Protein backbone atom coordinates (compact mmCIF):
# COMPACT_ATOMS: atom_id res chain seq x y z
CA GLN A 1 73.94 112.95 148.66
CA VAL A 2 74.07 112.19 152.35
CA GLN A 3 73.31 115.02 154.74
CA LEU A 4 73.16 115.13 158.51
CA VAL A 5 71.91 118.48 159.77
CA GLU A 6 72.09 119.28 163.47
CA SER A 7 70.05 121.93 165.19
CA GLY A 8 69.08 123.02 168.69
CA GLY A 9 72.38 124.21 170.08
CA GLY A 10 72.82 127.47 171.92
CA LEU A 11 73.70 129.17 175.17
CA VAL A 12 72.19 127.80 178.37
CA GLN A 13 72.80 128.36 182.07
CA PRO A 14 74.18 125.59 184.27
CA GLY A 15 71.38 123.26 185.29
CA GLY A 16 69.41 124.05 182.16
CA SER A 17 68.28 121.84 179.29
CA LEU A 18 68.66 121.68 175.54
CA ARG A 19 67.37 119.30 172.91
CA LEU A 20 69.51 118.67 169.87
CA SER A 21 68.11 117.26 166.64
CA CYS A 22 69.85 115.67 163.69
CA ALA A 23 67.88 115.25 160.49
CA ALA A 24 69.30 112.72 158.04
CA SER A 25 68.77 112.43 154.31
CA GLY A 26 70.29 110.30 151.58
CA ILE A 27 70.60 107.18 153.75
CA THR A 28 68.32 104.34 154.82
CA PHE A 29 68.09 105.88 158.26
CA SER A 30 66.50 102.92 160.03
CA SER A 31 69.48 100.72 159.13
CA TYR A 32 72.08 103.03 160.63
CA GLY A 33 73.42 103.24 164.11
CA MET A 34 73.34 106.88 165.17
CA GLY A 35 75.46 108.74 167.64
CA TRP A 36 76.36 112.04 169.17
CA PHE A 37 79.96 113.11 169.63
CA ARG A 38 81.31 116.35 171.05
CA GLN A 39 84.49 118.36 170.82
CA PRO A 40 85.21 120.64 173.77
CA PRO A 41 87.38 123.71 173.15
CA GLY A 42 90.99 122.69 172.63
CA LYS A 43 90.25 118.99 172.99
CA GLN A 44 89.68 115.98 170.77
CA ARG A 45 86.29 114.81 169.62
CA GLU A 46 84.77 112.28 172.02
CA LEU A 47 81.85 109.90 171.99
CA VAL A 48 78.80 110.94 174.02
CA THR A 49 76.11 108.41 173.20
CA THR A 50 74.91 105.99 170.56
CA ILE A 51 71.68 104.30 169.58
CA SER A 52 71.64 101.21 167.42
CA SER A 53 69.27 100.54 164.55
CA GLY A 54 67.35 98.36 166.99
CA GLY A 55 67.14 101.09 169.64
CA LEU A 56 69.84 99.94 172.04
CA THR A 57 71.55 102.88 173.72
CA ASN A 58 74.96 103.51 175.21
CA TYR A 59 76.25 106.52 177.16
CA VAL A 60 79.59 107.78 178.34
CA ASP A 61 79.67 107.80 182.15
CA SER A 62 79.84 111.59 182.41
CA VAL A 63 76.36 112.04 180.87
CA LYS A 64 74.52 109.01 182.25
CA GLY A 65 71.31 110.05 183.95
CA ARG A 66 71.40 113.51 182.36
CA PHE A 67 71.34 112.90 178.59
CA THR A 68 68.91 110.80 176.58
CA ILE A 69 69.30 109.76 172.96
CA SER A 70 66.28 108.76 170.92
CA ARG A 71 65.39 108.25 167.29
CA ASP A 72 62.32 108.64 165.12
CA ASN A 73 62.73 106.49 162.04
CA ALA A 74 59.61 107.94 160.46
CA LYS A 75 61.21 111.39 160.55
CA ASN A 76 64.79 110.23 159.86
CA THR A 77 65.82 112.13 162.95
CA VAL A 78 67.87 111.43 166.05
CA TYR A 79 67.57 113.53 169.18
CA LEU A 80 69.71 114.30 172.18
CA GLN A 81 67.87 115.55 175.24
CA MET A 82 70.37 117.18 177.59
CA ASN A 83 69.32 117.99 181.13
CA SER A 84 71.20 119.29 184.16
CA LEU A 85 73.80 120.78 181.90
CA LYS A 86 77.22 121.61 183.29
CA PRO A 87 79.91 124.01 182.06
CA GLU A 88 82.03 120.98 181.12
CA ASP A 89 79.33 119.99 178.61
CA THR A 90 80.34 123.02 176.54
CA ALA A 91 81.40 121.73 173.12
CA VAL A 92 80.53 121.46 169.48
CA TYR A 93 78.15 118.51 169.19
CA PHE A 94 78.28 116.34 166.09
CA CYS A 95 75.78 113.84 164.77
CA ASN A 96 77.15 110.57 163.40
CA ALA A 97 75.64 107.83 161.24
CA ASP A 98 77.35 104.45 161.08
CA TYR A 99 76.51 101.33 159.05
CA TRP A 100 78.40 98.09 158.58
CA GLY A 101 77.65 96.55 155.19
CA SER A 102 78.75 93.09 154.05
CA SER A 103 82.14 94.39 152.96
CA SER A 104 82.23 98.09 153.71
CA ARG A 105 81.57 100.53 156.53
CA TYR A 106 79.71 103.75 155.91
CA VAL A 107 80.23 106.65 158.31
CA TYR A 108 78.81 110.13 157.95
CA TRP A 109 79.05 113.29 160.05
CA GLY A 110 77.04 116.42 160.49
CA GLN A 111 78.56 119.90 160.54
CA GLY A 112 78.15 120.33 164.27
CA THR A 113 76.17 122.61 166.56
CA GLN A 114 77.63 124.68 169.38
CA VAL A 115 76.44 124.13 172.94
CA THR A 116 77.66 126.61 175.53
CA VAL A 117 76.84 126.17 179.21
CA SER A 118 77.63 129.33 181.12
CA SER A 119 76.13 131.74 183.59
């Protein structure tokens, strides 16, 4: 059974930092591209950042220079370091695992963790 379990969300003041973690089980973690998505209140889920199985990263423009994605294949965990947080970063953050096989695509999601940026 595949599980992606996020942790590290919470309430933080503008300008503060949080570190999200996503622990994966039931998959060959090192083979999967991993990503973080977020869903702000009343809006659709959107891509924040991804990291490939080889460690290549990609960020949406709004978080470049503030957020950093990383992975530890030995711990089957992906991280999202969020600095200089803004109220518009408030959202439920979801972890995503994505793998393209020879004939199928495998995509898994975590349950989400709430991040609230407010004074």
